[in-house]
Amino acid sequence: MSGVAEAESNHQARLQWQCRRGMLELDLLLRDFLAKGYANLSAEEKLSFDRLLEIPDPQLLEYLMGREKPEDKELIDVVARIRTVFTD
């Protein structure tokens, strides 16, 4: 395996681990998005997704359920992309 392919594989494994959350709803939403929509994100959106995963579960659930919006524009865009996967 090349260095680039190995780095991508490690990154994907890390993301899968980070998408495992303490709340089942988040776990399902994030893992499904990772499988169905993550590959379509731009490089900048992927970085924002990484940042989104640092948010505590209760706050992240509020964002993904549409009850609150992040203050950061880039996070708002990624949350919208995640929500779009489940409304299509």
PDB file of N, CA and C in Angstrom:
ATOM      1  N   MET A   1       0.856  -1.175   0.000  1.00  0.00           N
ATOM      2  CA  MET A   1       0.000   0.000   0.000  1.00  0.00           C
ATOM      3  C   MET A   1       0.900   1.235   0.000  1.00  0.00           C
ATOM      4  N   SER A   2       0.582   2.198  -0.866  1.00  0.00           N
ATOM      5  CA  SER A   2       1.380   3.413  -0.945  1.00  0.00           C
ATOM      6  C   SER A   2       1.156   4.258   0.293  1.00  0.00           C
ATOM      7  N   GLY A   3       2.060   5.203   0.523  1.00  0.00           N
ATOM      8  CA  GLY A   3       1.948   6.089   1.676  1.00  0.00           C
ATOM      9  C   GLY A   3       0.667   6.905   1.668  1.00  0.00           C
ATOM     10  N   VAL A   4       0.258   7.376   0.481  1.00  0.00           N
ATOM     11  CA  VAL A   4      -0.967   8.175   0.359  1.00  0.00           C
ATOM     12  C   VAL A   4      -2.184   7.312   0.653  1.00  0.00           C
ATOM     13  N   ALA A   5      -2.226   6.127   0.079  1.00  0.00           N
ATOM     14  CA  ALA A   5      -3.354   5.220   0.297  1.00  0.00           C
ATOM     15  C   ALA A   5      -3.435   4.808   1.765  1.00  0.00           C
ATOM     16  N   GLU A   6      -2.288   4.578   2.371  1.00  0.00           N
ATOM     17  CA  GLU A   6      -2.271   4.194   3.786  1.00  0.00           C
ATOM     18  C   GLU A   6      -2.743   5.354   4.664  1.00  0.00           C
ATOM     19  N   ALA A   7      -2.317   6.561   4.345  1.00  0.00           N
ATOM     20  CA  ALA A   7      -2.752   7.734   5.108  1.00  0.00           C
ATOM     21  C   ALA A   7      -4.255   7.934   4.974  1.00  0.00           C
ATOM     22  N   GLU A   8      -4.786   7.746   3.771  1.00  0.00           N
ATOM     23  CA  GLU A   8      -6.227   7.881   3.549  1.00  0.00           C
ATOM     24  C   GLU A   8      -6.988   6.803   4.314  1.00  0.00           C
ATOM     25  N   SER A   9      -6.477   5.593   4.303  1.00  0.00           N
ATOM     26  CA  SER A   9      -7.107   4.494   5.031  1.00  0.00           C
ATOM     27  C   SER A   9      -7.118   4.780   6.533  1.00  0.00           C
ATOM     28  N   ASN A  10      -6.007   5.282   7.056  1.00  0.00           N
ATOM     29  CA  ASN A  10      -5.922   5.631   8.478  1.00  0.00           C
ATOM     30  C   ASN A  10      -6.885   6.759   8.821  1.00  0.00           C
ATOM     31  N   HIS A  11      -6.980   7.744   7.935  1.00  0.00           N
ATOM     32  CA  HIS A  11      -7.895   8.872   8.159  1.00  0.00           C
ATOM     33  C   HIS A  11      -9.344   8.381   8.173  1.00  0.00           C
ATOM     34  N   GLN A  12      -9.688   7.511   7.242  1.00  0.00           N
ATOM     35  CA  GLN A  12     -11.042   6.966   7.171  1.00  0.00           C
ATOM     36  C   GLN A  12     -11.364   6.173   8.436  1.00  0.00           C
ATOM     37  N   ALA A  13     -10.422   5.387   8.908  1.00  0.00           N
ATOM     38  CA  ALA A  13     -10.633   4.608  10.134  1.00  0.00           C
ATOM     39  C   ALA A  13     -10.813   5.539  11.329  1.00  0.00           C
ATOM     40  N   ARG A  14     -10.042   6.612  11.386  1.00  0.00           N
ATOM     41  CA  ARG A  14     -10.172   7.583  12.472  1.00  0.00           C
ATOM     42  C   ARG A  14     -11.542   8.242  12.429  1.00  0.00           C
ATOM     43  N   LEU A  15     -11.999   8.611  11.239  1.00  0.00           N
ATOM     44  CA  LEU A  15     -13.322   9.226  11.109  1.00  0.00           C
ATOM     45  C   LEU A  15     -14.419   8.260  11.553  1.00  0.00           C
ATOM     46  N   GLN A  16     -14.317   7.013  11.150  1.00  0.00           N
ATOM     47  CA  GLN A  16     -15.325   6.027  11.558  1.00  0.00           C
ATOM     48  C   GLN A  16     -15.362   5.906  13.077  1.00  0.00           C
ATOM     49  N   TRP A  17     -14.197   5.927  13.695  1.00  0.00           N
ATOM     50  CA  TRP A  17     -14.139   5.845  15.148  1.00  0.00           C
ATOM     51  C   TRP A  17     -14.760   7.095  15.782  1.00  0.00           C
ATOM     52  N   GLN A  18     -14.458   8.271  15.242  1.00  0.00           N
ATOM     53  CA  GLN A  18     -14.985   9.512  15.789  1.00  0.00           C
ATOM     54  C   GLN A  18     -16.496   9.646  15.580  1.00  0.00           C
ATOM     55  N   CYS A  19     -17.034   8.983  14.580  1.00  0.00           N
ATOM     56  CA  CYS A  19     -18.474   9.031  14.333  1.00  0.00           C
ATOM     57  C   CYS A  19     -19.240   8.125  15.288  1.00  0.00           C
ATOM     58  N   ARG A  20     -18.535   7.294  16.018  1.00  0.00           N
ATOM     59  CA  ARG A  20     -19.170   6.485  17.070  1.00  0.00           C
ATOM     60  C   ARG A  20     -19.355   7.400  18.267  1.00  0.00           C
ATOM     61  N   ARG A  21     -20.588   7.663  18.603  1.00  0.00           N
ATOM     62  CA  ARG A  21     -20.888   8.624  19.649  1.00  0.00           C
ATOM     63  C   ARG A  21     -21.606   7.961  20.811  1.00  0.00           C
ATOM     64  N   GLY A  22     -21.809   8.726  21.875  1.00  0.00           N
ATOM     65  CA  GLY A  22     -22.510   8.229  23.041  1.00  0.00           C
ATOM     66  C   GLY A  22     -24.019   8.197  22.849  1.00  0.00           C
ATOM     67  N   MET A  23     -24.501   8.886  21.829  1.00  0.00           N
ATOM     68  CA  MET A  23     -25.945   8.901  21.533  1.00  0.00           C
ATOM     69  C   MET A  23     -26.188   8.105  20.260  1.00  0.00           C
ATOM     70  N   LEU A  24     -27.110   7.177  20.328  1.00  0.00           N
ATOM     71  CA  LEU A  24     -27.398   6.328  19.172  1.00  0.00           C
ATOM     72  C   LEU A  24     -27.801   7.152  17.955  1.00  0.00           C
ATOM     73  N   GLU A  25     -28.616   8.196  18.170  1.00  0.00           N
ATOM     74  CA  GLU A  25     -29.060   9.027  17.043  1.00  0.00           C
ATOM     75  C   GLU A  25     -27.873   9.628  16.301  1.00  0.00           C
ATOM     76  N   LEU A  26     -26.920  10.161  17.057  1.00  0.00           N
ATOM     77  CA  LEU A  26     -25.728  10.745  16.427  1.00  0.00           C
ATOM     78  C   LEU A  26     -24.904   9.673  15.738  1.00  0.00           C
ATOM     79  N   ASP A  27     -24.750   8.570  16.393  1.00  0.00           N
ATOM     80  CA  ASP A  27     -23.987   7.454  15.839  1.00  0.00           C
ATOM     81  C   ASP A  27     -24.525   7.091  14.457  1.00  0.00           C
ATOM     82  N   LEU A  28     -25.835   6.927  14.367  1.00  0.00           N
ATOM     83  CA  LEU A  28     -26.455   6.545  13.087  1.00  0.00           C
ATOM     84  C   LEU A  28     -26.338   7.654  12.049  1.00  0.00           C
ATOM     85  N   LEU A  29     -26.638   8.884  12.434  1.00  0.00           N
ATOM     86  CA  LEU A  29     -26.555  10.006  11.484  1.00  0.00           C
ATOM     87  C   LEU A  29     -25.151  10.174  10.922  1.00  0.00           C
ATOM     88  N   LEU A  30     -24.180  10.188  11.805  1.00  0.00           N
ATOM     89  CA  LEU A  30     -22.808  10.452  11.364  1.00  0.00           C
ATOM     90  C   LEU A  30     -22.226   9.293  10.561  1.00  0.00           C
ATOM     91  N   ARG A  31     -22.473   8.068  10.998  1.00  0.00           N
ATOM     92  CA  ARG A  31     -21.945   6.928  10.240  1.00  0.00           C
ATOM     93  C   ARG A  31     -22.595   6.822   8.869  1.00  0.00           C
ATOM     94  N   ASP A  32     -23.903   7.084   8.800  1.00  0.00           N
ATOM     95  CA  ASP A  32     -24.572   7.066   7.501  1.00  0.00           C
ATOM     96  C   ASP A  32     -24.039   8.166   6.591  1.00  0.00           C
ATOM     97  N   PHE A  33     -23.829   9.358   7.151  1.00  0.00           N
ATOM     98  CA  PHE A  33     -23.280  10.438   6.342  1.00  0.00           C
ATOM     99  C   PHE A  33     -21.886  10.085   5.849  1.00  0.00           C
ATOM    100  N   LEU A  34     -21.083   9.507   6.718  1.00  0.00           N
ATOM    101  CA  LEU A  34     -19.729   9.123   6.325  1.00  0.00           C
ATOM    102  C   LEU A  34     -19.783   8.152   5.142  1.00  0.00           C
ATOM    103  N   ALA A  35     -20.746   7.246   5.155  1.00  0.00           N
ATOM    104  CA  ALA A  35     -20.875   6.261   4.076  1.00  0.00           C
ATOM    105  C   ALA A  35     -21.484   6.855   2.813  1.00  0.00           C
ATOM    106  N   LYS A  36     -22.421   7.805   2.950  1.00  0.00           N
ATOM    107  CA  LYS A  36     -23.191   8.275   1.797  1.00  0.00           C
ATOM    108  C   LYS A  36     -22.797   9.650   1.269  1.00  0.00           C
ATOM    109  N   GLY A  37     -22.237  10.513   2.106  1.00  0.00           N
ATOM    110  CA  GLY A  37     -22.028  11.883   1.672  1.00  0.00           C
ATOM    111  C   GLY A  37     -20.646  12.456   1.858  1.00  0.00           C
ATOM    112  N   TYR A  38     -19.852  11.839   2.718  1.00  0.00           N
ATOM    113  CA  TYR A  38     -18.541  12.415   3.034  1.00  0.00           C
ATOM    114  C   TYR A  38     -17.655  12.561   1.807  1.00  0.00           C
ATOM    115  N   ALA A  39     -17.655  11.577   0.940  1.00  0.00           N
ATOM    116  CA  ALA A  39     -16.780  11.597  -0.244  1.00  0.00           C
ATOM    117  C   ALA A  39     -17.090  12.777  -1.161  1.00  0.00           C
ATOM    118  N   ASN A  40     -18.301  13.310  -1.085  1.00  0.00           N
ATOM    119  CA  ASN A  40     -18.691  14.432  -1.944  1.00  0.00           C
ATOM    120  C   ASN A  40     -18.309  15.795  -1.375  1.00  0.00           C
ATOM    121  N   LEU A  41     -17.751  15.825  -0.173  1.00  0.00           N
ATOM    122  CA  LEU A  41     -17.337  17.099   0.419  1.00  0.00           C
ATOM    123  C   LEU A  41     -16.055  17.596  -0.220  1.00  0.00           C
ATOM    124  N   SER A  42     -15.929  18.910  -0.273  1.00  0.00           N
ATOM    125  CA  SER A  42     -14.667  19.514  -0.720  1.00  0.00           C
ATOM    126  C   SER A  42     -13.621  19.324   0.378  1.00  0.00           C
ATOM    127  N   ALA A  43     -12.383  19.605   0.073  1.00  0.00           N
ATOM    128  CA  ALA A  43     -11.313  19.486   1.072  1.00  0.00           C
ATOM    129  C   ALA A  43     -11.596  20.386   2.277  1.00  0.00           C
ATOM    130  N   GLU A  44     -12.091  21.590   2.020  1.00  0.00           N
ATOM    131  CA  GLU A  44     -12.397  22.520   3.107  1.00  0.00           C
ATOM    132  C   GLU A  44     -13.557  22.001   3.956  1.00  0.00           C
ATOM    133  N   GLU A  45     -14.561  21.434   3.296  1.00  0.00           N
ATOM    134  CA  GLU A  45     -15.706  20.883   4.024  1.00  0.00           C
ATOM    135  C   GLU A  45     -15.290  19.672   4.860  1.00  0.00           C
ATOM    136  N   LYS A  46     -14.354  18.895   4.354  1.00  0.00           N
ATOM    137  CA  LYS A  46     -13.864  17.753   5.129  1.00  0.00           C
ATOM    138  C   LYS A  46     -13.163  18.230   6.401  1.00  0.00           C
ATOM    139  N   LEU A  47     -12.416  19.305   6.298  1.00  0.00           N
ATOM    140  CA  LEU A  47     -11.785  19.881   7.492  1.00  0.00           C
ATOM    141  C   LEU A  47     -12.845  20.379   8.474  1.00  0.00           C
ATOM    142  N   SER A  48     -13.891  20.990   7.952  1.00  0.00           N
ATOM    143  CA  SER A  48     -14.982  21.452   8.809  1.00  0.00           C
ATOM    144  C   SER A  48     -15.701  20.277   9.456  1.00  0.00           C
ATOM    145  N   PHE A  49     -15.864  19.179   8.730  1.00  0.00           N
ATOM    146  CA  PHE A  49     -16.470  17.981   9.293  1.00  0.00           C
ATOM    147  C   PHE A  49     -15.624  17.470  10.458  1.00  0.00           C
ATOM    148  N   ASP A  50     -14.302  17.473  10.291  1.00  0.00           N
ATOM    149  CA  ASP A  50     -13.402  17.078  11.384  1.00  0.00           C
ATOM    150  C   ASP A  50     -13.638  17.958  12.610  1.00  0.00           C
ATOM    151  N   ARG A  51     -13.780  19.255  12.394  1.00  0.00           N
ATOM    152  CA  ARG A  51     -14.028  20.190  13.497  1.00  0.00           C
ATOM    153  C   ARG A  51     -15.385  19.928  14.137  1.00  0.00           C
ATOM    154  N   LEU A  52     -16.367  19.599  13.314  1.00  0.00           N
ATOM    155  CA  LEU A  52     -17.713  19.320  13.811  1.00  0.00           C
ATOM    156  C   LEU A  52     -17.688  18.129  14.776  1.00  0.00           C
ATOM    157  N   LEU A  53     -16.844  17.148  14.483  1.00  0.00           N
ATOM    158  CA  LEU A  53     -16.764  15.961  15.328  1.00  0.00           C
ATOM    159  C   LEU A  53     -16.162  16.250  16.696  1.00  0.00           C
ATOM    160  N   GLU A  54     -15.582  17.418  16.881  1.00  0.00           N
ATOM    161  CA  GLU A  54     -15.026  17.805  18.175  1.00  0.00           C
ATOM    162  C   GLU A  54     -16.091  18.382  19.115  1.00  0.00           C
ATOM    163  N   ILE A  55     -17.269  18.652  18.590  1.00  0.00           N
ATOM    164  CA  ILE A  55     -18.342  19.268  19.367  1.00  0.00           C
ATOM    165  C   ILE A  55     -18.979  18.204  20.269  1.00  0.00           C
ATOM    166  N   PRO A  56     -19.281  18.568  21.519  1.00  0.00           N
ATOM    167  CA  PRO A  56     -19.929  17.606  22.420  1.00  0.00           C
ATOM    168  C   PRO A  56     -21.264  17.108  21.864  1.00  0.00           C
ATOM    169  N   ASP A  57     -21.588  15.865  22.191  1.00  0.00           N
ATOM    170  CA  ASP A  57     -22.772  15.203  21.647  1.00  0.00           C
ATOM    171  C   ASP A  57     -24.070  16.007  21.778  1.00  0.00           C
ATOM    172  N   PRO A  58     -24.406  16.528  22.961  1.00  0.00           N
ATOM    173  CA  PRO A  58     -25.698  17.232  23.059  1.00  0.00           C
ATOM    174  C   PRO A  58     -25.799  18.429  22.103  1.00  0.00           C
ATOM    175  N   GLN A  59     -24.713  19.184  21.982  1.00  0.00           N
ATOM    176  CA  GLN A  59     -24.717  20.339  21.087  1.00  0.00           C
ATOM    177  C   GLN A  59     -24.771  19.890  19.634  1.00  0.00           C
ATOM    178  N   LEU A  60     -24.015  18.863  19.293  1.00  0.00           N
ATOM    179  CA  LEU A  60     -23.994  18.349  17.925  1.00  0.00           C
ATOM    180  C   LEU A  60     -25.378  17.844  17.517  1.00  0.00           C
ATOM    181  N   LEU A  61     -26.069  17.189  18.419  1.00  0.00           N
ATOM    182  CA  LEU A  61     -27.415  16.711  18.124  1.00  0.00           C
ATOM    183  C   LEU A  61     -28.353  17.879  17.845  1.00  0.00           C
ATOM    184  N   GLU A  62     -28.240  18.947  18.610  1.00  0.00           N
ATOM    185  CA  GLU A  62     -29.071  20.137  18.379  1.00  0.00           C
ATOM    186  C   GLU A  62     -28.824  20.691  16.972  1.00  0.00           C
ATOM    187  N   TYR A  63     -27.587  20.721  16.545  1.00  0.00           N
ATOM    188  CA  TYR A  63     -27.255  21.205  15.197  1.00  0.00           C
ATOM    189  C   TYR A  63     -27.847  20.296  14.122  1.00  0.00           C
ATOM    190  N   LEU A  64     -27.636  19.004  14.280  1.00  0.00           N
ATOM    191  CA  LEU A  64     -28.074  18.073  13.243  1.00  0.00           C
ATOM    192  C   LEU A  64     -29.589  17.918  13.185  1.00  0.00           C
ATOM    193  N   MET A  65     -30.267  18.176  14.286  1.00  0.00           N
ATOM    194  CA  MET A  65     -31.730  18.129  14.301  1.00  0.00           C
ATOM    195  C   MET A  65     -32.332  19.461  13.822  1.00  0.00           C
ATOM    196  N   GLY A  66     -31.487  20.470  13.627  1.00  0.00           N
ATOM    197  CA  GLY A  66     -31.959  21.752  13.126  1.00  0.00           C
ATOM    198  C   GLY A  66     -32.561  22.649  14.194  1.00  0.00           C
ATOM    199  N   ARG A  67     -32.359  22.309  15.450  1.00  0.00           N
ATOM    200  CA  ARG A  67     -32.907  23.119  16.535  1.00  0.00           C
ATOM    201  C   ARG A  67     -32.021  24.308  16.869  1.00  0.00           C
ATOM    202  N   GLU A  68     -30.739  24.202  16.531  1.00  0.00           N
ATOM    203  CA  GLU A  68     -29.779  25.293  16.718  1.00  0.00           C
ATOM    204  C   GLU A  68     -28.848  25.313  15.516  1.00  0.00           C
ATOM    205  N   LYS A  69     -28.173  26.457  15.331  1.00  0.00           N
ATOM    206  CA  LYS A  69     -27.178  26.583  14.269  1.00  0.00           C
ATOM    207  C   LYS A  69     -25.834  26.941  14.876  1.00  0.00           C
ATOM    208  N   PRO A  70     -24.761  26.372  14.328  1.00  0.00           N
ATOM    209  CA  PRO A  70     -23.432  26.780  14.780  1.00  0.00           C
ATOM    210  C   PRO A  70     -23.194  28.251  14.418  1.00  0.00           C
ATOM    211  N   GLU A  71     -22.322  28.898  15.127  1.00  0.00           N
ATOM    212  CA  GLU A  71     -21.980  30.279  14.795  1.00  0.00           C
ATOM    213  C   GLU A  71     -21.041  30.347  13.598  1.00  0.00           C
ATOM    214  N   ASP A  72     -20.248  29.333  13.412  1.00  0.00           N
ATOM    215  CA  ASP A  72     -19.230  29.268  12.358  1.00  0.00           C
ATOM    216  C   ASP A  72     -19.891  28.923  11.016  1.00  0.00           C
ATOM    217  N   LYS A  73     -19.707  29.768  10.021  1.00  0.00           N
ATOM    218  CA  LYS A  73     -20.315  29.591   8.689  1.00  0.00           C
ATOM    219  C   LYS A  73     -19.933  28.251   8.062  1.00  0.00           C
ATOM    220  N   GLU A  74     -18.672  27.853   8.186  1.00  0.00           N
ATOM    221  CA  GLU A  74     -18.239  26.586   7.591  1.00  0.00           C
ATOM    222  C   GLU A  74     -18.944  25.400   8.251  1.00  0.00           C
ATOM    223  N   LEU A  75     -19.158  25.482   9.555  1.00  0.00           N
ATOM    224  CA  LEU A  75     -19.870  24.406  10.237  1.00  0.00           C
ATOM    225  C   LEU A  75     -21.342  24.387   9.840  1.00  0.00           C
ATOM    226  N   ILE A  76     -21.930  25.565   9.646  1.00  0.00           N
ATOM    227  CA  ILE A  76     -23.320  25.642   9.179  1.00  0.00           C
ATOM    228  C   ILE A  76     -23.450  24.916   7.844  1.00  0.00           C
ATOM    229  N   ASP A  77     -22.503  25.137   6.952  1.00  0.00           N
ATOM    230  CA  ASP A  77     -22.543  24.504   5.630  1.00  0.00           C
ATOM    231  C   ASP A  77     -22.440  22.986   5.722  1.00  0.00           C
ATOM    232  N   VAL A  78     -21.555  22.489   6.571  1.00  0.00           N
ATOM    233  CA  VAL A  78     -21.389  21.041   6.705  1.00  0.00           C
ATOM    234  C   VAL A  78     -22.620  20.424   7.362  1.00  0.00           C
ATOM    235  N   VAL A  79     -23.168  21.082   8.371  1.00  0.00           N
ATOM    236  CA  VAL A  79     -24.394  20.586   8.999  1.00  0.00           C
ATOM    237  C   VAL A  79     -25.506  20.491   7.952  1.00  0.00           C
ATOM    238  N   ALA A  80     -25.602  21.501   7.102  1.00  0.00           N
ATOM    239  CA  ALA A  80     -26.625  21.483   6.036  1.00  0.00           C
ATOM    240  C   ALA A  80     -26.380  20.305   5.096  1.00  0.00           C
ATOM    241  N   ARG A  81     -25.138  20.043   4.763  1.00  0.00           N
ATOM    242  CA  ARG A  81     -24.833  18.909   3.881  1.00  0.00           C
ATOM    243  C   ARG A  81     -25.231  17.588   4.538  1.00  0.00           C
ATOM    244  N   ILE A  82     -24.955  17.460   5.827  1.00  0.00           N
ATOM    245  CA  ILE A  82     -25.312  16.228   6.556  1.00  0.00           C
ATOM    246  C   ILE A  82     -26.832  16.081   6.565  1.00  0.00           C
ATOM    247  N   ARG A  83     -27.539  17.159   6.866  1.00  0.00           N
ATOM    248  CA  ARG A  83     -29.001  17.113   6.920  1.00  0.00           C
ATOM    249  C   ARG A  83     -29.595  16.803   5.544  1.00  0.00           C
ATOM    250  N   THR A  84     -28.971  17.266   4.484  1.00  0.00           N
ATOM    251  CA  THR A  84     -29.461  17.028   3.126  1.00  0.00           C
ATOM    252  C   THR A  84     -29.433  15.542   2.777  1.00  0.00           C
ATOM    253  N   VAL A  85     -28.421  14.829   3.234  1.00  0.00           N
ATOM    254  CA  VAL A  85     -28.316  13.402   2.959  1.00  0.00           C
ATOM    255  C   VAL A  85     -29.541  12.660   3.479  1.00  0.00           C
ATOM    256  N   PHE A  86     -30.127  13.156   4.573  1.00  0.00           N
ATOM    257  CA  PHE A  86     -31.240  12.448   5.196  1.00  0.00           C
ATOM    258  C   PHE A  86     -32.593  12.986   4.790  1.00  0.00           C
ATOM    259  N   THR A  87     -32.633  14.049   4.004  1.00  0.00           N
ATOM    260  CA  THR A  87     -33.911  14.568   3.537  1.00  0.00           C
ATOM    261  C   THR A  87     -34.147  14.234   2.074  1.00  0.00           C
ATOM    262  N   ASP A  88     -33.124  13.720   1.404  1.00  0.00           N
ATOM    263  CA  ASP A  88     -33.272  13.338  -0.012  1.00  0.00           C
ATOM    264  C   ASP A  88     -33.947  11.990  -0.148  1.00  0.00           C
TER     265      ASP A  88
END
